[in-house]
Amino acid sequence: MLGAIYDNVCHVYGKNLGDMRSDRLIAIMLLLQSRGQLTAAELASRLEVSVRTIMRDLEALSAAGVPVYTVRGPLGGVALTPGYRTDVSGLTAEESRALLVLLTGPARADLGLGLGDAIRSALRKLMAALPDQQRPGAELASRRILIDPVRWRGAALPRDHLEVLQEASFGSRRVTLRYRHGRDGSVRTYTLDPYGMVSKAGVWYLVADHRAEPQLFRADRILAATLLESAARLRHGVELADIWEDLRAEIENFQGQFAVTVRVRREILGRFLLLHESDLAEPPPANGDDSGHVDLKLRFRAAAAVQILLGFGTDVTVLDPPELRERLADVAAEIAASYTPG
């Protein structure tokens, strides 16, 4: 349908519109279909064009048979005739392949969060709406590329927890969590105002306000979740994407205050960086010393966090600060003593 509408627009205007124009026409229809009535100024702002350009696009859509109309006055705007729907046959081959890859295979179970049946139904409708020439390529893409969002040995999340978080997010309701913190293992109870959920590298997070301050809560650290009857107290005009962007930048730009210098055996450098690249205070040197080691400068949030390096055994040695070397030596001695036959 979308392709036919675009062809009609080209026929009416007697010229070949560019891809940017056709994408914008489709975007206008989808925005009006999903958002309802919007002003020309709102459409112009969303699509980053002038109001005059939007008005010309609306004329083109009307001439092509799209039932778009305008309402004048302070509460007016642009809308589609009630009940009008369009399909997705305007998708390019690349776009249809991308959707099929995203929503099939192992990714579907995790992204579903209890919506598996709805996703399967959506996939059937998507495949039915695709042009005949695109359908084989989309089906092949879904068989040749898989997205598995679950990390190796990742702990399975309780389904009831996810369902509570989902219902709280979709229904804009408050939720109470009993939560175990990763930094010290302490358990606390929070009453939260959720903005939504984010999947980051296979880990689900709840983005919520606690006492009007945005925070992240890892779903796999939730011990109990209870949905409350009261509505979430969300800050006006604040969206999930905006909060996530700020929190993500804060985490990624965080510089730990505890400086540590370590010597890493070159053979395991790749594995070490896989786990600790985000802790680097400066890029690793291009070459190691003659002994086959590389010295790295790291930053951690606290001295206690450095104990994780003991898991590398003799492949990683802390060089500085001296007091940390002494502390790690004491911990290693305590571990060794626990294995000494009594």
Protein backbone atom coordinates (compact mmCIF):
# COMPACT_ATOMS: atom_id res chain seq x y z
CA MET A 1 0.00 0.00 0.00
CA LEU A 2 2.73 2.45 0.89
CA GLY A 3 4.55 1.74 -2.35
CA ALA A 4 1.36 2.29 -4.33
CA ILE A 5 0.72 5.60 -2.55
CA TYR A 6 4.22 6.79 -3.37
CA ASP A 7 3.73 5.81 -7.03
CA ASN A 8 0.50 7.81 -7.08
CA VAL A 9 2.25 10.86 -5.65
CA CYS A 10 4.92 10.66 -8.34
CA HIS A 11 2.22 10.33 -11.01
CA VAL A 12 0.29 13.34 -9.71
CA TYR A 13 3.37 15.55 -9.64
CA GLY A 14 4.79 14.14 -12.86
CA LYS A 15 8.29 13.76 -11.47
CA ASN A 16 10.50 11.30 -9.63
CA LEU A 17 10.64 12.23 -5.96
CA GLY A 18 13.85 11.42 -4.12
CA ASP A 19 14.19 8.68 -1.50
CA MET A 20 14.25 11.30 1.27
CA ARG A 21 10.88 12.66 0.14
CA SER A 22 9.30 9.21 -0.09
CA ASP A 23 10.62 8.27 3.37
CA ARG A 24 9.17 11.49 4.76
CA LEU A 25 5.74 10.83 3.25
CA ILE A 26 5.70 7.37 4.79
CA ALA A 27 6.91 8.79 8.10
CA ILE A 28 4.09 11.36 8.12
CA MET A 29 1.48 8.63 7.63
CA LEU A 30 2.95 6.40 10.32
CA LEU A 31 3.24 9.30 12.77
CA LEU A 32 -0.38 10.29 12.24
CA GLN A 33 -1.48 6.67 12.48
CA SER A 34 0.36 6.07 15.75
CA ARG A 35 0.05 9.51 17.39
CA GLY A 36 -3.34 10.64 16.18
CA GLN A 37 -3.68 14.37 15.60
CA LEU A 38 -0.48 16.42 15.34
CA THR A 39 0.08 20.01 14.33
CA ALA A 40 2.07 20.86 11.21
CA ALA A 41 4.66 22.43 13.47
CA GLU A 42 5.00 19.18 15.47
CA LEU A 43 5.41 17.17 12.26
CA ALA A 44 8.00 19.65 11.00
CA SER A 45 9.93 19.42 14.25
CA ARG A 46 9.91 15.61 14.31
CA LEU A 47 10.99 15.32 10.68
CA GLU A 48 13.40 18.28 10.81
CA VAL A 49 11.89 20.20 7.91
CA SER A 50 9.96 23.46 7.58
CA VAL A 51 6.21 23.82 8.11
CA ARG A 52 5.90 24.83 4.45
CA THR A 53 7.52 21.53 3.42
CA ILE A 54 5.05 19.61 5.61
CA MET A 55 2.12 21.41 4.01
CA ARG A 56 3.38 20.47 0.53
CA ASP A 57 3.80 16.86 1.67
CA LEU A 58 0.24 16.81 3.02
CA GLU A 59 -1.05 18.07 -0.32
CA ALA A 60 0.88 15.31 -2.06
CA LEU A 61 -0.57 12.66 0.25
CA SER A 62 -4.10 13.96 -0.23
CA ALA A 63 -3.68 13.97 -4.01
CA ALA A 64 -2.45 10.37 -3.83
CA GLY A 65 -5.62 9.24 -2.05
CA VAL A 66 -4.52 9.28 1.57
CA PRO A 67 -7.47 10.53 3.69
CA VAL A 68 -5.56 13.23 5.53
CA TYR A 69 -7.37 16.32 6.77
CA THR A 70 -6.69 19.42 8.85
CA VAL A 71 -8.62 20.90 11.77
CA ARG A 72 -8.36 24.66 12.22
CA GLY A 73 -8.28 26.52 15.51
CA PRO A 74 -6.23 26.50 18.72
CA LEU A 75 -6.86 22.78 19.23
CA GLY A 76 -6.52 21.92 15.57
CA GLY A 77 -3.96 19.88 13.70
CA VAL A 78 -3.46 17.23 11.06
CA ALA A 79 -5.04 13.78 11.26
CA LEU A 80 -6.04 10.73 9.24
CA THR A 81 -9.66 9.76 8.80
CA PRO A 82 -10.68 7.55 11.78
CA GLY A 83 -10.26 3.86 10.99
CA TYR A 84 -7.71 4.40 8.22
CA ARG A 85 -4.76 2.04 8.52
CA THR A 86 -1.78 1.34 6.30
CA ASP A 87 0.45 -1.71 6.07
CA VAL A 88 4.21 -2.13 6.06
CA SER A 89 4.70 -3.07 2.41
CA GLY A 90 6.70 0.12 1.97
CA LEU A 91 9.62 -1.49 3.83
CA THR A 92 12.82 -1.86 1.86
CA ALA A 93 14.45 -5.27 1.54
CA GLU A 94 17.10 -4.26 4.09
CA GLU A 95 14.46 -3.04 6.57
CA SER A 96 12.40 -6.22 6.32
CA ARG A 97 15.48 -8.39 6.85
CA ALA A 98 16.46 -6.34 9.88
CA LEU A 99 13.03 -6.78 11.49
CA LEU A 100 12.98 -10.53 10.87
CA VAL A 101 16.46 -10.98 12.38
CA LEU A 102 15.56 -8.92 15.45
CA LEU A 103 12.33 -10.71 16.24
CA THR A 104 13.17 -14.34 15.49
CA GLY A 105 15.23 -17.05 17.12
CA PRO A 106 16.55 -16.77 20.69
CA ALA A 107 16.11 -13.00 20.71
CA ARG A 108 12.34 -13.37 20.58
CA ALA A 109 12.08 -15.16 23.92
CA ASP A 110 14.04 -12.48 25.78
CA LEU A 111 12.55 -9.49 24.02
CA GLY A 112 9.09 -10.92 24.50
CA LEU A 113 8.92 -10.56 28.28
CA GLY A 114 5.68 -12.50 28.17
CA LEU A 115 4.68 -11.17 24.75
CA GLY A 116 5.78 -14.21 22.77
CA ASP A 117 2.35 -14.86 21.24
CA ALA A 118 2.01 -11.22 20.22
CA ILE A 119 5.44 -11.24 18.59
CA ARG A 120 4.65 -14.43 16.67
CA SER A 121 1.41 -12.86 15.46
CA ALA A 122 3.26 -9.68 14.46
CA LEU A 123 5.81 -11.71 12.51
CA ARG A 124 3.06 -13.50 10.59
CA LYS A 125 1.48 -10.17 9.68
CA LEU A 126 4.85 -8.74 8.70
CA MET A 127 5.61 -11.66 6.40
CA ALA A 128 2.15 -11.46 4.84
CA ALA A 129 2.56 -7.73 4.17
CA LEU A 130 5.97 -8.00 2.51
CA PRO A 131 6.13 -7.88 -1.30
CA ASP A 132 6.61 -11.31 -2.86
CA GLN A 133 10.11 -10.50 -4.04
CA GLN A 134 11.26 -9.56 -0.50
CA ARG A 135 9.79 -12.52 1.38
CA PRO A 136 12.48 -15.15 0.49
CA GLY A 137 15.30 -12.79 1.50
CA ALA A 138 13.66 -11.98 4.81
CA GLU A 139 13.09 -15.66 5.61
CA LEU A 140 16.71 -16.48 4.71
CA ALA A 141 18.01 -13.70 6.95
CA SER A 142 16.06 -15.04 9.93
CA ARG A 143 17.68 -18.47 9.40
CA ARG A 144 21.24 -17.26 8.81
CA ILE A 145 21.58 -14.67 11.61
CA LEU A 146 20.65 -15.21 15.26
CA ILE A 147 20.77 -12.73 18.13
CA ASP A 148 21.20 -14.35 21.54
CA PRO A 149 21.02 -11.62 24.19
CA VAL A 150 21.80 -13.94 27.12
CA ARG A 151 25.39 -13.85 28.37
CA TRP A 152 27.32 -17.06 29.02
CA ARG A 153 26.31 -18.65 32.30
CA GLY A 154 23.87 -15.84 32.88
CA ALA A 155 21.42 -16.52 35.69
CA ALA A 156 17.84 -17.08 34.58
CA LEU A 157 15.48 -14.31 35.66
CA PRO A 158 12.30 -15.26 37.51
CA ARG A 159 9.49 -14.85 35.01
CA ASP A 160 7.15 -13.37 37.61
CA HIS A 161 9.66 -10.59 38.34
CA LEU A 162 9.84 -9.66 34.68
CA GLU A 163 6.08 -9.68 34.36
CA VAL A 164 5.73 -7.34 37.34
CA LEU A 165 8.32 -4.96 35.91
CA GLN A 166 6.64 -5.06 32.53
CA GLU A 167 3.20 -4.38 33.96
CA ALA A 168 4.54 -1.54 36.10
CA SER A 169 6.27 0.01 33.07
CA PHE A 170 3.33 -0.33 30.67
CA GLY A 171 0.72 0.65 33.23
CA SER A 172 2.69 3.53 34.82
CA ARG A 173 2.21 2.06 38.30
CA ARG A 174 4.51 2.14 41.30
CA VAL A 175 6.42 -0.98 42.25
CA THR A 176 8.22 -2.16 45.38
CA LEU A 177 11.48 -4.07 44.99
CA ARG A 178 13.56 -6.05 47.44
CA TYR A 179 16.97 -5.57 45.87
CA ARG A 180 20.48 -6.95 46.46
CA HIS A 181 23.27 -4.49 45.63
CA GLY A 182 26.25 -5.79 43.71
CA ARG A 183 28.88 -3.58 45.30
CA ASP A 184 28.50 -4.90 48.85
CA GLY A 185 25.74 -7.52 48.77
CA SER A 186 23.44 -5.46 50.99
CA VAL A 187 19.68 -5.94 50.60
CA ARG A 188 17.31 -2.96 50.61
CA THR A 189 13.68 -2.31 49.81
CA TYR A 190 12.68 0.45 47.39
CA THR A 191 9.38 1.95 46.28
CA LEU A 192 9.92 3.12 42.72
CA ASP A 193 8.29 5.11 39.93
CA PRO A 194 9.24 3.21 36.73
CA TYR A 195 9.85 4.82 33.35
CA GLY A 196 10.55 1.54 31.57
CA MET A 197 13.02 -1.26 30.95
CA VAL A 198 16.28 -1.42 29.00
CA SER A 199 18.21 -4.45 27.76
CA LYS A 200 21.95 -3.75 27.78
CA ALA A 201 24.23 -6.52 26.46
CA GLY A 202 21.79 -9.22 27.55
CA VAL A 203 21.12 -7.69 30.98
CA TRP A 204 17.71 -6.19 31.76
CA TYR A 205 17.52 -3.00 33.82
CA LEU A 206 14.59 -1.17 35.33
CA VAL A 207 14.90 2.60 34.92
CA ALA A 208 12.97 4.27 37.72
CA ASP A 209 12.84 7.25 40.03
CA HIS A 210 13.55 6.69 43.70
CA ARG A 211 12.46 9.76 45.65
CA ALA A 212 12.43 11.73 42.37
CA GLU A 213 16.03 10.73 41.53
CA PRO A 214 16.70 8.44 38.50
CA GLN A 215 18.38 5.10 39.20
CA LEU A 216 19.12 1.80 37.49
CA PHE A 217 18.13 -1.58 38.97
CA ARG A 218 19.48 -4.81 37.46
CA ALA A 219 16.64 -7.27 37.03
CA ASP A 220 18.81 -10.25 38.04
CA ARG A 221 19.46 -8.68 41.47
CA ILE A 222 15.77 -8.33 42.30
CA LEU A 223 14.76 -10.69 45.12
CA ALA A 224 11.07 -9.74 45.14
CA ALA A 225 8.84 -7.41 43.12
CA THR A 226 5.35 -6.23 44.07
CA LEU A 227 3.08 -4.15 41.85
CA LEU A 228 1.25 -1.38 43.71
CA GLU A 229 -2.16 0.08 42.94
CA SER A 230 -0.96 3.69 43.03
CA ALA A 231 0.04 5.47 39.83
CA ALA A 232 3.71 6.16 39.19
CA ARG A 233 4.79 9.69 40.05
CA LEU A 234 6.64 10.42 36.83
CA ARG A 235 8.25 13.76 36.17
CA HIS A 236 6.41 15.74 33.51
CA GLY A 237 8.00 15.63 30.06
CA VAL A 238 10.68 13.12 31.05
CA GLU A 239 11.08 10.07 28.78
CA LEU A 240 12.79 6.71 29.27
CA ALA A 241 15.30 7.35 26.46
CA ASP A 242 16.40 10.65 28.00
CA ILE A 243 16.98 9.15 31.46
CA TRP A 244 18.80 6.13 30.04
CA GLU A 245 21.10 8.33 27.98
CA ASP A 246 22.07 10.35 31.06
CA LEU A 247 22.56 7.29 33.29
CA ARG A 248 24.53 5.43 30.61
CA ALA A 249 26.83 8.40 30.05
CA GLU A 250 27.34 8.77 33.80
CA ILE A 251 28.38 5.13 34.11
CA GLU A 252 30.60 5.11 31.02
CA ASN A 253 32.33 8.36 31.93
CA PHE A 254 32.84 7.45 35.57
CA GLN A 255 36.49 7.51 36.59
CA GLY A 256 37.24 5.38 39.61
CA GLN A 257 39.15 7.14 42.37
CA PHE A 258 41.39 4.23 43.36
CA ALA A 259 44.45 4.01 41.04
CA VAL A 260 46.14 0.64 40.57
CA THR A 261 49.07 -0.50 38.43
CA VAL A 262 49.09 -4.15 37.43
CA ARG A 263 51.39 -6.42 35.42
CA VAL A 264 49.54 -8.80 33.11
CA ARG A 265 51.01 -11.79 31.31
CA ARG A 266 50.66 -11.07 27.59
CA GLU A 267 49.13 -14.48 26.81
CA ILE A 268 46.02 -13.63 28.84
CA LEU A 269 45.85 -9.91 27.98
CA GLY A 270 42.84 -10.38 25.69
CA ARG A 271 40.84 -12.19 28.38
CA PHE A 272 41.88 -9.61 30.97
CA LEU A 273 40.75 -6.68 28.82
CA LEU A 274 37.48 -8.42 28.04
CA LEU A 275 36.65 -8.10 31.74
CA HIS A 276 38.51 -4.93 32.73
CA GLU A 277 38.80 -2.70 29.66
CA SER A 278 36.32 -0.28 31.22
CA ASP A 279 38.68 0.06 34.23
CA LEU A 280 41.64 1.27 32.14
CA ALA A 281 42.94 4.69 33.16
CA GLU A 282 44.93 4.95 29.91
CA PRO A 283 45.35 2.82 26.76
CA PRO A 284 47.58 -0.25 27.11
CA PRO A 285 51.13 0.03 25.66
CA ALA A 286 51.71 -1.34 22.19
CA ASN A 287 54.42 -3.73 23.34
CA GLY A 288 55.15 -5.55 26.59
CA ASP A 289 58.52 -5.89 28.27
CA ASP A 290 61.07 -8.62 27.47
CA SER A 291 59.50 -10.89 30.07
CA GLY A 292 56.27 -11.13 28.09
CA HIS A 293 54.21 -8.93 30.40
CA VAL A 294 52.26 -5.70 29.96
CA ASP A 295 51.91 -3.05 32.67
CA LEU A 296 48.46 -1.43 32.85
CA LYS A 297 47.10 1.49 34.84
CA LEU A 298 43.58 0.93 36.15
CA ARG A 299 41.04 2.80 38.26
CA PHE A 300 38.55 1.12 40.58
CA ARG A 301 35.70 2.50 42.66
CA ALA A 302 37.26 1.21 45.89
CA ALA A 303 40.19 -0.83 47.14
CA ALA A 304 37.90 -3.77 47.96
CA ALA A 305 36.92 -4.04 44.28
CA VAL A 306 40.52 -4.86 43.35
CA GLN A 307 40.29 -8.25 45.06
CA ILE A 308 38.62 -9.55 41.91
CA LEU A 309 42.11 -9.58 40.34
CA LEU A 310 43.05 -12.51 42.59
CA GLY A 311 40.95 -14.66 40.27
CA PHE A 312 43.71 -14.41 37.64
CA GLY A 313 46.22 -16.09 39.96
CA THR A 314 49.86 -15.48 39.04
CA ASP A 315 48.93 -14.17 35.58
CA VAL A 316 48.17 -10.72 37.08
CA THR A 317 50.32 -9.00 39.70
CA VAL A 318 49.50 -5.73 41.46
CA LEU A 319 52.55 -3.44 41.42
CA ASP A 320 51.13 -0.35 43.07
CA PRO A 321 50.04 0.92 45.58
CA PRO A 322 52.15 -0.95 48.18
CA GLU A 323 49.37 -1.09 50.79
CA LEU A 324 47.12 -2.85 48.31
CA ARG A 325 49.84 -5.42 47.58
CA GLU A 326 50.04 -6.12 51.29
CA ARG A 327 46.27 -6.47 51.58
CA LEU A 328 46.09 -8.88 48.63
CA ALA A 329 48.96 -10.89 50.06
CA ASP A 330 47.05 -11.24 53.33
CA VAL A 331 43.89 -12.33 51.49
CA ALA A 332 45.87 -14.86 49.42
CA ALA A 333 47.44 -16.23 52.62
CA GLU A 334 44.02 -16.60 54.22
CA ILE A 335 42.79 -18.48 51.17
CA ALA A 336 45.83 -20.77 51.18
CA ALA A 337 45.41 -21.44 54.90
CA SER A 338 41.80 -22.50 54.38
CA TYR A 339 43.05 -25.30 52.10
CA THR A 340 45.80 -26.46 54.42
CA PRO A 341 44.98 -29.88 55.98
CA GLY A 342 44.07 -29.34 59.63
